[in-house]
Amino acid sequence: MISYIEGTIISISERFTVVSVGGVGYKIFTTKQTCSNLTKNEVVSFHTFLSVRETALDLYGFRTENELEYFELLNTVSGIGPKTAIGILDIAEPKTLEMAIVSGNTEHLTQVSGIGKKNAEKIVRELSGKTPSLQLNGEATYGRSEDLDTIAALVSLGYSEKSSREALQNVPKDILKTEEKIKYALKNLN
């Protein structure tokens, strides 16, 4: 099994990259965000997951072990395959995904194509208690439904999830309504 690859990027698309290792090009499916942060001829490393099906061998790659861990967790949910799992990680970083599971917020998951309310509830139910322990470093309120909605709104406006989370951390704790959090966060982002 292939669990790690390090090599030079020879091509990049929206959904995958080809990495040359010892003269062999490996097609590695990854998130859109990862692909957008790569450049041709860059030396990269990926933690990988090999999906074996009757008609194909697909390699999925992640820049961190944490992303790979969540991808593998999502694949344990009945009815969720690698393509759906990568779609979920496209809209939610592992930390956001974990908070959605812990808080039972299925709305965030239904943004993925092919995941309706029932599948989102199944993901939350089957992964509840299986996610790695939270290390919030003082972010105890992050993960509440309002916070996840605020992040989703900022991402839909074109901001990265990371910068949205950072802007949310600067919102005073006495601001509770989602609309007010979005306005305050937008001021921080601009």
N, C-alpha and C. Protein backbone atom coordinates (compact mmCIF):
# COMPACT_ATOMS: atom_id res chain seq x y z
N MET A 1 0.84 -1.19 0.00
CA MET A 1 0.00 0.00 0.00
C MET A 1 0.87 1.23 0.00
N ILE A 2 0.42 2.25 -0.68
CA ILE A 2 1.15 3.52 -0.77
C ILE A 2 0.60 4.44 0.32
N SER A 3 1.45 4.82 1.28
CA SER A 3 0.95 5.66 2.37
C SER A 3 1.59 7.05 2.40
N TYR A 4 2.63 7.26 1.59
CA TYR A 4 3.31 8.56 1.58
C TYR A 4 4.02 8.71 0.24
N ILE A 5 3.94 9.90 -0.32
CA ILE A 5 4.63 10.18 -1.59
C ILE A 5 5.30 11.54 -1.48
N GLU A 6 6.53 11.60 -1.97
CA GLU A 6 7.24 12.87 -2.06
C GLU A 6 7.85 12.96 -3.45
N GLY A 7 7.59 14.07 -4.12
CA GLY A 7 8.12 14.23 -5.48
C GLY A 7 7.84 15.61 -6.02
N THR A 8 8.01 15.75 -7.32
CA THR A 8 7.87 17.02 -8.00
C THR A 8 6.56 17.06 -8.78
N ILE A 9 5.84 18.16 -8.66
CA ILE A 9 4.58 18.31 -9.37
C ILE A 9 4.86 18.55 -10.84
N ILE A 10 4.22 17.71 -11.70
CA ILE A 10 4.39 17.92 -13.14
C ILE A 10 3.12 18.46 -13.79
N SER A 11 1.97 18.31 -13.13
CA SER A 11 0.75 18.95 -13.62
C SER A 11 -0.26 19.08 -12.48
N ILE A 12 -1.16 20.06 -12.66
CA ILE A 12 -2.17 20.35 -11.64
C ILE A 12 -3.50 20.60 -12.34
N SER A 13 -4.57 20.02 -11.79
CA SER A 13 -5.92 20.35 -12.26
C SER A 13 -6.72 20.79 -11.04
N GLU A 14 -8.01 20.98 -11.21
CA GLU A 14 -8.85 21.41 -10.09
C GLU A 14 -9.01 20.33 -9.03
N ARG A 15 -9.00 19.06 -9.42
CA ARG A 15 -9.30 17.97 -8.50
C ARG A 15 -8.11 17.04 -8.21
N PHE A 16 -7.05 17.12 -9.00
CA PHE A 16 -5.91 16.23 -8.79
C PHE A 16 -4.62 16.89 -9.26
N THR A 17 -3.52 16.28 -8.85
CA THR A 17 -2.21 16.69 -9.31
C THR A 17 -1.44 15.44 -9.70
N VAL A 18 -0.46 15.59 -10.56
CA VAL A 18 0.41 14.47 -10.93
C VAL A 18 1.79 14.78 -10.35
N VAL A 19 2.28 13.83 -9.54
CA VAL A 19 3.56 14.00 -8.86
C VAL A 19 4.54 12.97 -9.42
N SER A 20 5.68 13.45 -9.87
CA SER A 20 6.72 12.58 -10.42
C SER A 20 7.63 12.10 -9.29
N VAL A 21 7.73 10.78 -9.16
CA VAL A 21 8.60 10.18 -8.16
C VAL A 21 9.43 9.12 -8.86
N GLY A 22 10.73 9.37 -8.98
CA GLY A 22 11.61 8.40 -9.60
C GLY A 22 11.22 8.07 -11.04
N GLY A 23 10.74 9.05 -11.78
CA GLY A 23 10.37 8.83 -13.17
C GLY A 23 8.97 8.29 -13.38
N VAL A 24 8.22 8.08 -12.31
CA VAL A 24 6.84 7.60 -12.40
C VAL A 24 5.90 8.71 -11.95
N GLY A 25 4.86 8.99 -12.74
CA GLY A 25 3.90 10.03 -12.39
C GLY A 25 2.70 9.43 -11.67
N TYR A 26 2.45 9.88 -10.45
CA TYR A 26 1.30 9.41 -9.66
C TYR A 26 0.20 10.45 -9.70
N LYS A 27 -0.99 10.04 -10.14
CA LYS A 27 -2.16 10.93 -10.15
C LYS A 27 -2.76 10.88 -8.76
N ILE A 28 -2.76 12.03 -8.07
CA ILE A 28 -3.22 12.09 -6.69
C ILE A 28 -4.42 13.02 -6.61
N PHE A 29 -5.58 12.46 -6.24
CA PHE A 29 -6.78 13.26 -6.03
C PHE A 29 -6.67 13.94 -4.68
N THR A 30 -7.06 15.21 -4.63
CA THR A 30 -6.98 15.95 -3.38
C THR A 30 -8.05 17.04 -3.38
N THR A 31 -8.07 17.85 -2.35
CA THR A 31 -9.09 18.90 -2.26
C THR A 31 -8.78 20.04 -3.22
N LYS A 32 -9.82 20.80 -3.55
CA LYS A 32 -9.65 21.95 -4.44
C LYS A 32 -8.69 22.97 -3.82
N GLN A 33 -8.80 23.17 -2.51
CA GLN A 33 -7.94 24.14 -1.84
C GLN A 33 -6.47 23.72 -1.94
N THR A 34 -6.20 22.44 -1.74
CA THR A 34 -4.82 21.96 -1.86
C THR A 34 -4.30 22.19 -3.26
N CYS A 35 -5.10 21.83 -4.27
CA CYS A 35 -4.68 22.03 -5.67
C CYS A 35 -4.40 23.50 -5.96
N SER A 36 -5.23 24.39 -5.43
CA SER A 36 -5.04 25.82 -5.71
C SER A 36 -3.78 26.38 -5.05
N ASN A 37 -3.25 25.69 -4.05
CA ASN A 37 -2.04 26.17 -3.36
C ASN A 37 -0.76 25.54 -3.90
N LEU A 38 -0.87 24.70 -4.94
CA LEU A 38 0.30 24.03 -5.50
C LEU A 38 0.80 24.78 -6.73
N THR A 39 2.09 24.61 -7.03
CA THR A 39 2.67 25.18 -8.25
C THR A 39 3.47 24.10 -8.97
N LYS A 40 3.48 24.21 -10.28
CA LYS A 40 4.22 23.25 -11.10
C LYS A 40 5.70 23.30 -10.74
N ASN A 41 6.35 22.15 -10.76
CA ASN A 41 7.77 21.95 -10.43
C ASN A 41 8.08 22.09 -8.95
N GLU A 42 7.05 22.28 -8.11
CA GLU A 42 7.24 22.36 -6.66
C GLU A 42 7.47 20.94 -6.12
N VAL A 43 8.37 20.80 -5.16
CA VAL A 43 8.57 19.52 -4.50
C VAL A 43 7.58 19.45 -3.35
N VAL A 44 6.76 18.40 -3.35
CA VAL A 44 5.70 18.27 -2.35
C VAL A 44 5.71 16.86 -1.75
N SER A 45 4.99 16.75 -0.64
CA SER A 45 4.79 15.43 -0.04
C SER A 45 3.31 15.30 0.33
N PHE A 46 2.80 14.09 0.19
CA PHE A 46 1.41 13.80 0.50
C PHE A 46 1.32 12.55 1.36
N HIS A 47 0.44 12.59 2.35
CA HIS A 47 0.03 11.39 3.06
C HIS A 47 -1.10 10.84 2.21
N THR A 48 -1.05 9.56 1.87
CA THR A 48 -1.97 9.05 0.86
C THR A 48 -2.85 7.90 1.34
N PHE A 49 -3.93 7.72 0.60
CA PHE A 49 -4.90 6.65 0.81
C PHE A 49 -5.15 6.03 -0.55
N LEU A 50 -4.93 4.73 -0.67
CA LEU A 50 -5.16 4.02 -1.92
C LEU A 50 -6.53 3.37 -1.87
N SER A 51 -7.40 3.81 -2.78
CA SER A 51 -8.75 3.26 -2.88
C SER A 51 -8.74 2.18 -3.95
N VAL A 52 -9.07 0.97 -3.55
CA VAL A 52 -9.07 -0.17 -4.47
C VAL A 52 -10.51 -0.54 -4.79
N ARG A 53 -10.84 -0.43 -6.07
CA ARG A 53 -12.16 -0.85 -6.54
C ARG A 53 -11.97 -1.88 -7.64
N GLU A 54 -13.05 -2.47 -8.05
CA GLU A 54 -12.98 -3.50 -9.07
C GLU A 54 -12.39 -2.98 -10.38
N THR A 55 -12.69 -1.74 -10.70
CA THR A 55 -12.27 -1.18 -11.99
C THR A 55 -11.19 -0.12 -11.90
N ALA A 56 -10.75 0.23 -10.70
CA ALA A 56 -9.77 1.32 -10.59
C ALA A 56 -8.99 1.26 -9.29
N LEU A 57 -7.79 1.83 -9.35
CA LEU A 57 -6.97 2.10 -8.18
C LEU A 57 -6.81 3.62 -8.14
N ASP A 58 -7.39 4.28 -7.15
CA ASP A 58 -7.32 5.73 -7.04
C ASP A 58 -6.51 6.11 -5.82
N LEU A 59 -5.63 7.08 -5.99
CA LEU A 59 -4.77 7.54 -4.91
C LEU A 59 -5.24 8.93 -4.46
N TYR A 60 -5.54 9.07 -3.17
CA TYR A 60 -5.98 10.34 -2.59
C TYR A 60 -4.85 10.85 -1.69
N GLY A 61 -4.55 12.14 -1.79
CA GLY A 61 -3.43 12.69 -1.05
C GLY A 61 -3.80 13.89 -0.21
N PHE A 62 -3.10 14.00 0.94
CA PHE A 62 -3.37 15.07 1.91
C PHE A 62 -2.06 15.61 2.43
N ARG A 63 -2.02 16.92 2.65
CA ARG A 63 -0.79 17.56 3.10
C ARG A 63 -0.51 17.29 4.57
N THR A 64 -1.55 16.97 5.36
CA THR A 64 -1.34 16.69 6.78
C THR A 64 -1.93 15.33 7.13
N GLU A 65 -1.40 14.73 8.16
CA GLU A 65 -1.93 13.45 8.65
C GLU A 65 -3.35 13.62 9.20
N ASN A 66 -3.64 14.80 9.76
CA ASN A 66 -4.97 15.08 10.30
C ASN A 66 -6.03 15.01 9.21
N GLU A 67 -5.76 15.60 8.04
CA GLU A 67 -6.70 15.54 6.92
C GLU A 67 -6.91 14.09 6.49
N LEU A 68 -5.83 13.33 6.40
CA LEU A 68 -5.93 11.92 6.03
C LEU A 68 -6.77 11.15 7.04
N GLU A 69 -6.57 11.42 8.31
CA GLU A 69 -7.32 10.75 9.37
C GLU A 69 -8.83 10.99 9.22
N TYR A 70 -9.21 12.24 8.92
CA TYR A 70 -10.62 12.54 8.74
C TYR A 70 -11.18 11.92 7.47
N PHE A 71 -10.37 11.90 6.43
CA PHE A 71 -10.78 11.25 5.18
C PHE A 71 -11.07 9.76 5.44
N GLU A 72 -10.17 9.12 6.17
CA GLU A 72 -10.37 7.69 6.49
C GLU A 72 -11.59 7.49 7.39
N LEU A 73 -11.80 8.39 8.35
CA LEU A 73 -12.98 8.32 9.20
C LEU A 73 -14.27 8.43 8.39
N LEU A 74 -14.31 9.38 7.47
CA LEU A 74 -15.49 9.57 6.64
C LEU A 74 -15.77 8.32 5.80
N ASN A 75 -14.72 7.64 5.37
CA ASN A 75 -14.89 6.43 4.57
C ASN A 75 -15.46 5.27 5.36
N THR A 76 -15.45 5.36 6.68
CA THR A 76 -16.03 4.28 7.50
C THR A 76 -17.55 4.39 7.59
N VAL A 77 -18.10 5.53 7.20
CA VAL A 77 -19.55 5.73 7.23
C VAL A 77 -20.17 5.00 6.05
N SER A 78 -21.17 4.16 6.32
CA SER A 78 -21.80 3.41 5.24
C SER A 78 -22.42 4.36 4.22
N GLY A 79 -22.13 4.10 2.94
CA GLY A 79 -22.66 4.94 1.88
C GLY A 79 -21.78 6.12 1.51
N ILE A 80 -20.70 6.35 2.26
CA ILE A 80 -19.78 7.45 1.96
C ILE A 80 -18.50 6.84 1.39
N GLY A 81 -18.21 7.19 0.15
CA GLY A 81 -17.00 6.70 -0.50
C GLY A 81 -15.95 7.78 -0.57
N PRO A 82 -14.81 7.47 -1.19
CA PRO A 82 -13.71 8.44 -1.27
C PRO A 82 -14.09 9.76 -1.95
N LYS A 83 -14.88 9.70 -3.02
CA LYS A 83 -15.23 10.94 -3.73
C LYS A 83 -16.10 11.85 -2.86
N THR A 84 -17.03 11.25 -2.14
CA THR A 84 -17.87 12.05 -1.24
C THR A 84 -17.05 12.58 -0.07
N ALA A 85 -16.15 11.75 0.45
CA ALA A 85 -15.30 12.17 1.57
C ALA A 85 -14.42 13.35 1.18
N ILE A 86 -13.86 13.32 -0.02
CA ILE A 86 -13.02 14.44 -0.46
C ILE A 86 -13.89 15.67 -0.68
N GLY A 87 -15.14 15.47 -1.11
CA GLY A 87 -16.08 16.58 -1.27
C GLY A 87 -16.39 17.24 0.06
N ILE A 88 -16.51 16.43 1.11
CA ILE A 88 -16.76 16.98 2.44
C ILE A 88 -15.56 17.80 2.91
N LEU A 89 -14.36 17.27 2.67
CA LEU A 89 -13.15 18.00 3.09
C LEU A 89 -12.91 19.24 2.24
N ASP A 90 -13.56 19.31 1.06
CA ASP A 90 -13.49 20.52 0.25
C ASP A 90 -14.19 21.69 0.93
N ILE A 91 -15.27 21.40 1.66
CA ILE A 91 -16.03 22.49 2.29
C ILE A 91 -15.71 22.67 3.77
N ALA A 92 -15.03 21.70 4.36
CA ALA A 92 -14.78 21.79 5.80
C ALA A 92 -13.40 21.24 6.14
N GLU A 93 -12.59 22.08 6.76
CA GLU A 93 -11.31 21.60 7.29
C GLU A 93 -11.61 20.62 8.42
N PRO A 94 -10.66 19.75 8.78
CA PRO A 94 -10.91 18.77 9.84
C PRO A 94 -11.47 19.37 11.13
N LYS A 95 -10.96 20.53 11.53
CA LYS A 95 -11.42 21.15 12.78
C LYS A 95 -12.90 21.52 12.68
N THR A 96 -13.30 22.09 11.55
CA THR A 96 -14.69 22.48 11.34
C THR A 96 -15.58 21.25 11.26
N LEU A 97 -15.10 20.22 10.58
CA LEU A 97 -15.85 18.97 10.47
C LEU A 97 -16.06 18.35 11.84
N GLU A 98 -15.02 18.35 12.64
CA GLU A 98 -15.13 17.79 13.99
C GLU A 98 -16.14 18.56 14.83
N MET A 99 -16.10 19.88 14.72
CA MET A 99 -17.05 20.68 15.49
C MET A 99 -18.48 20.44 15.02
N ALA A 100 -18.67 20.26 13.71
CA ALA A 100 -20.01 19.97 13.20
C ALA A 100 -20.51 18.65 13.75
N ILE A 101 -19.63 17.67 13.84
CA ILE A 101 -20.01 16.35 14.37
C ILE A 101 -20.31 16.45 15.86
N VAL A 102 -19.43 17.11 16.60
CA VAL A 102 -19.60 17.23 18.05
C VAL A 102 -20.88 17.99 18.39
N SER A 103 -21.17 19.07 17.63
CA SER A 103 -22.34 19.88 17.93
C SER A 103 -23.62 19.34 17.28
N GLY A 104 -23.46 18.34 16.41
CA GLY A 104 -24.63 17.77 15.73
C GLY A 104 -25.16 18.66 14.62
N ASN A 105 -24.33 19.57 14.12
CA ASN A 105 -24.75 20.50 13.08
C ASN A 105 -24.65 19.83 11.70
N THR A 106 -25.78 19.39 11.18
CA THR A 106 -25.81 18.70 9.89
C THR A 106 -25.88 19.66 8.72
N GLU A 107 -26.26 20.90 8.96
CA GLU A 107 -26.44 21.88 7.88
C GLU A 107 -25.15 22.09 7.09
N HIS A 108 -24.02 22.10 7.78
CA HIS A 108 -22.74 22.32 7.12
C HIS A 108 -22.46 21.19 6.12
N LEU A 109 -22.79 19.96 6.50
CA LEU A 109 -22.51 18.80 5.66
C LEU A 109 -23.40 18.73 4.43
N THR A 110 -24.61 19.28 4.52
CA THR A 110 -25.54 19.21 3.38
C THR A 110 -25.11 20.12 2.23
N GLN A 111 -24.08 20.91 2.42
CA GLN A 111 -23.57 21.75 1.34
C GLN A 111 -22.81 20.92 0.30
N VAL A 112 -22.45 19.69 0.65
CA VAL A 112 -21.74 18.82 -0.28
C VAL A 112 -22.73 18.19 -1.25
N SER A 113 -22.39 18.21 -2.52
CA SER A 113 -23.24 17.61 -3.54
C SER A 113 -23.45 16.12 -3.23
N GLY A 114 -24.70 15.71 -3.20
CA GLY A 114 -25.02 14.30 -2.95
C GLY A 114 -25.28 13.96 -1.50
N ILE A 115 -25.12 14.93 -0.60
CA ILE A 115 -25.40 14.66 0.82
C ILE A 115 -26.64 15.45 1.22
N GLY A 116 -27.69 14.70 1.49
CA GLY A 116 -28.92 15.30 1.96
C GLY A 116 -28.96 15.28 3.48
N LYS A 117 -30.08 15.67 4.02
CA LYS A 117 -30.22 15.75 5.47
C LYS A 117 -30.03 14.39 6.13
N LYS A 118 -30.61 13.32 5.53
CA LYS A 118 -30.49 11.98 6.13
C LYS A 118 -29.05 11.50 6.15
N ASN A 119 -28.31 11.69 5.04
CA ASN A 119 -26.91 11.28 5.02
C ASN A 119 -26.07 12.11 6.00
N ALA A 120 -26.36 13.39 6.09
CA ALA A 120 -25.63 14.25 7.03
C ALA A 120 -25.86 13.78 8.46
N GLU A 121 -27.12 13.45 8.79
CA GLU A 121 -27.43 12.94 10.13
C GLU A 121 -26.72 11.61 10.38
N LYS A 122 -26.63 10.78 9.35
CA LYS A 122 -25.94 9.48 9.50
C LYS A 122 -24.45 9.70 9.76
N ILE A 123 -23.84 10.66 9.07
CA ILE A 123 -22.43 10.95 9.29
C ILE A 123 -22.20 11.39 10.72
N VAL A 124 -23.03 12.32 11.19
CA VAL A 124 -22.89 12.82 12.56
C VAL A 124 -23.09 11.68 13.56
N ARG A 125 -24.11 10.87 13.33
CA ARG A 125 -24.42 9.76 14.25
C ARG A 125 -23.29 8.72 14.28
N GLU A 126 -22.80 8.31 13.10
CA GLU A 126 -21.79 7.26 13.04
C GLU A 126 -20.41 7.72 13.48
N LEU A 127 -20.12 9.01 13.33
CA LEU A 127 -18.79 9.50 13.71
C LEU A 127 -18.76 10.13 15.10
N SER A 128 -19.93 10.29 15.71
CA SER A 128 -19.97 10.86 17.05
C SER A 128 -19.17 9.99 18.01
N GLY A 129 -18.21 10.60 18.68
CA GLY A 129 -17.37 9.87 19.63
C GLY A 129 -16.14 9.24 18.99
N LYS A 130 -16.03 9.27 17.67
CA LYS A 130 -14.89 8.67 16.99
C LYS A 130 -13.85 9.69 16.56
N THR A 131 -14.20 10.98 16.63
CA THR A 131 -13.28 12.01 16.17
C THR A 131 -12.17 12.19 17.19
N PRO A 132 -10.99 12.58 16.73
CA PRO A 132 -9.89 12.83 17.66
C PRO A 132 -10.28 13.88 18.69
N SER A 133 -9.64 13.83 19.84
CA SER A 133 -10.02 14.76 20.91
C SER A 133 -9.77 16.20 20.48
N LEU A 134 -10.67 17.07 20.91
CA LEU A 134 -10.58 18.48 20.57
C LEU A 134 -9.47 19.16 21.36
N GLN A 135 -8.72 20.00 20.67
CA GLN A 135 -7.71 20.82 21.33
C GLN A 135 -8.00 22.26 20.93
N LEU A 136 -8.85 22.91 21.70
CA LEU A 136 -9.36 24.21 21.29
C LEU A 136 -8.52 25.40 21.72
N ASN A 137 -7.63 25.22 22.69
CA ASN A 137 -6.79 26.33 23.14
C ASN A 137 -7.60 27.60 23.39
N GLY A 138 -8.65 27.48 24.19
CA GLY A 138 -9.43 28.65 24.55
C GLY A 138 -10.54 28.99 23.59
N GLU A 139 -10.77 28.18 22.57
CA GLU A 139 -11.83 28.47 21.60
C GLU A 139 -13.08 27.68 21.95
N ALA A 140 -13.47 27.68 23.18
CA ALA A 140 -14.56 26.83 23.65
C ALA A 140 -15.89 27.10 22.97
N THR A 141 -16.13 28.31 22.52
CA THR A 141 -17.41 28.59 21.87
C THR A 141 -17.42 28.23 20.41
N TYR A 142 -16.25 28.02 19.82
CA TYR A 142 -16.20 27.67 18.41
C TYR A 142 -16.83 26.30 18.22
N GLY A 143 -17.66 26.17 17.20
CA GLY A 143 -18.33 24.91 16.96
C GLY A 143 -19.81 25.00 17.25
N ARG A 144 -20.24 26.07 17.93
CA ARG A 144 -21.67 26.26 18.11
C ARG A 144 -22.27 26.51 16.74
N SER A 145 -23.51 26.22 16.60
CA SER A 145 -24.19 26.36 15.32
C SER A 145 -24.02 27.74 14.72
N GLU A 146 -24.11 28.79 15.54
CA GLU A 146 -23.97 30.16 15.04
C GLU A 146 -22.57 30.39 14.47
N ASP A 147 -21.56 29.82 15.14
CA ASP A 147 -20.19 29.99 14.67
C ASP A 147 -19.97 29.27 13.34
N LEU A 148 -20.49 28.07 13.23
CA LEU A 148 -20.35 27.34 11.98
C LEU A 148 -21.10 28.04 10.85
N ASP A 149 -22.27 28.60 11.16
CA ASP A 149 -23.03 29.35 10.16
C ASP A 149 -22.27 30.60 9.72
N THR A 150 -21.62 31.26 10.67
CA THR A 150 -20.84 32.45 10.35
C THR A 150 -19.69 32.09 9.42
N ILE A 151 -18.98 31.03 9.73
CA ILE A 151 -17.86 30.60 8.89
C ILE A 151 -18.36 30.23 7.50
N ALA A 152 -19.46 29.49 7.44
CA ALA A 152 -20.03 29.09 6.14
C ALA A 152 -20.40 30.32 5.31
N ALA A 153 -20.96 31.33 5.95
CA ALA A 153 -21.34 32.55 5.25
C ALA A 153 -20.10 33.27 4.71
N LEU A 154 -19.06 33.36 5.51
CA LEU A 154 -17.84 34.04 5.07
C LEU A 154 -17.16 33.28 3.93
N VAL A 155 -17.16 31.96 4.02
CA VAL A 155 -16.58 31.14 2.95
C VAL A 155 -17.37 31.34 1.66
N SER A 156 -18.70 31.39 1.77
CA SER A 156 -19.53 31.60 0.58
C SER A 156 -19.28 32.97 -0.06
N LEU A 157 -18.77 33.91 0.73
CA LEU A 157 -18.43 35.23 0.21
C LEU A 157 -17.04 35.27 -0.42
N GLY A 158 -16.34 34.13 -0.37
CA GLY A 158 -15.04 34.03 -1.03
C GLY A 158 -13.83 34.05 -0.12
N TYR A 159 -14.04 34.14 1.19
CA TYR A 159 -12.91 34.13 2.11
C TYR A 159 -12.52 32.68 2.40
N SER A 160 -11.25 32.44 2.71
CA SER A 160 -10.81 31.09 3.03
C SER A 160 -11.36 30.69 4.40
N GLU A 161 -11.46 29.40 4.62
CA GLU A 161 -11.98 28.93 5.90
C GLU A 161 -11.05 29.34 7.04
N LYS A 162 -9.75 29.30 6.77
CA LYS A 162 -8.79 29.67 7.81
C LYS A 162 -8.94 31.14 8.20
N SER A 163 -9.00 32.04 7.22
CA SER A 163 -9.13 33.46 7.55
C SER A 163 -10.49 33.75 8.18
N SER A 164 -11.52 32.99 7.78
CA SER A 164 -12.85 33.15 8.39
C SER A 164 -12.82 32.77 9.86
N ARG A 165 -12.14 31.66 10.17
CA ARG A 165 -12.03 31.22 11.57
C ARG A 165 -11.26 32.25 12.39
N GLU A 166 -10.18 32.78 11.81
CA GLU A 166 -9.39 33.78 12.53
C GLU A 166 -10.20 35.04 12.79
N ALA A 167 -10.98 35.47 11.79
CA ALA A 167 -11.82 36.65 11.97
C ALA A 167 -12.88 36.40 13.04
N LEU A 168 -13.42 35.19 13.08
CA LEU A 168 -14.44 34.84 14.08
C LEU A 168 -13.85 34.86 15.49
N GLN A 169 -12.60 34.48 15.64
CA GLN A 169 -11.96 34.49 16.95
C GLN A 169 -11.84 35.90 17.51
N ASN A 170 -11.82 36.91 16.62
CA ASN A 170 -11.69 38.30 17.06
C ASN A 170 -13.03 38.96 17.35
N VAL A 171 -14.12 38.24 17.11
CA VAL A 171 -15.45 38.78 17.40
C VAL A 171 -15.66 38.72 18.92
N PRO A 172 -16.07 39.84 19.52
CA PRO A 172 -16.31 39.84 20.98
C PRO A 172 -17.32 38.76 21.38
N LYS A 173 -17.10 38.16 22.53
CA LYS A 173 -17.94 37.05 23.00
C LYS A 173 -19.37 37.48 23.30
N ASP A 174 -19.60 38.79 23.52
CA ASP A 174 -20.95 39.24 23.83
C ASP A 174 -21.82 39.38 22.57
N ILE A 175 -21.22 39.26 21.39
CA ILE A 175 -22.00 39.26 20.14
C ILE A 175 -22.45 37.82 19.89
N LEU A 176 -23.75 37.60 19.89
CA LEU A 176 -24.27 36.24 19.81
C LEU A 176 -24.99 35.91 18.51
N LYS A 177 -25.59 36.90 17.87
CA LYS A 177 -26.36 36.64 16.66
C LYS A 177 -25.43 36.45 15.46
N THR A 178 -25.80 35.49 14.61
CA THR A 178 -24.98 35.18 13.44
C THR A 178 -24.76 36.39 12.55
N GLU A 179 -25.83 37.16 12.29
CA GLU A 179 -25.72 38.31 11.41
C GLU A 179 -24.72 39.33 11.94
N GLU A 180 -24.76 39.55 13.26
CA GLU A 180 -23.83 40.51 13.88
C GLU A 180 -22.40 39.98 13.83
N LYS A 181 -22.24 38.67 14.03
CA LYS A 181 -20.91 38.08 13.96
C LYS A 181 -20.33 38.23 12.55
N ILE A 182 -21.17 38.02 11.54
CA ILE A 182 -20.72 38.15 10.16
C ILE A 182 -20.25 39.58 9.89
N LYS A 183 -21.07 40.56 10.31
CA LYS A 183 -20.70 41.97 10.10
C LYS A 183 -19.38 42.32 10.77
N TYR A 184 -19.21 41.88 12.02
CA TYR A 184 -17.99 42.18 12.74
C TYR A 184 -16.79 41.48 12.10
N ALA A 185 -16.99 40.22 11.72
CA ALA A 185 -15.91 39.46 11.08
C ALA A 185 -15.50 40.08 9.76
N LEU A 186 -16.48 40.57 9.00
CA LEU A 186 -16.18 41.22 7.71
C LEU A 186 -15.32 42.47 7.91
N LYS A 187 -15.59 43.21 8.99
CA LYS A 187 -14.76 44.39 9.30
C LYS A 187 -13.33 43.95 9.54
N ASN A 188 -13.14 42.82 10.26
CA ASN A 188 -11.79 42.31 10.52
C ASN A 188 -11.11 41.83 9.26
N LEU A 189 -11.90 41.25 8.35
CA LEU A 189 -11.31 40.73 7.11
C LEU A 189 -10.95 41.83 6.13
N ASN A 190 -11.67 42.93 6.20
CA ASN A 190 -11.40 44.06 5.28
C ASN A 190 -10.46 45.03 5.95
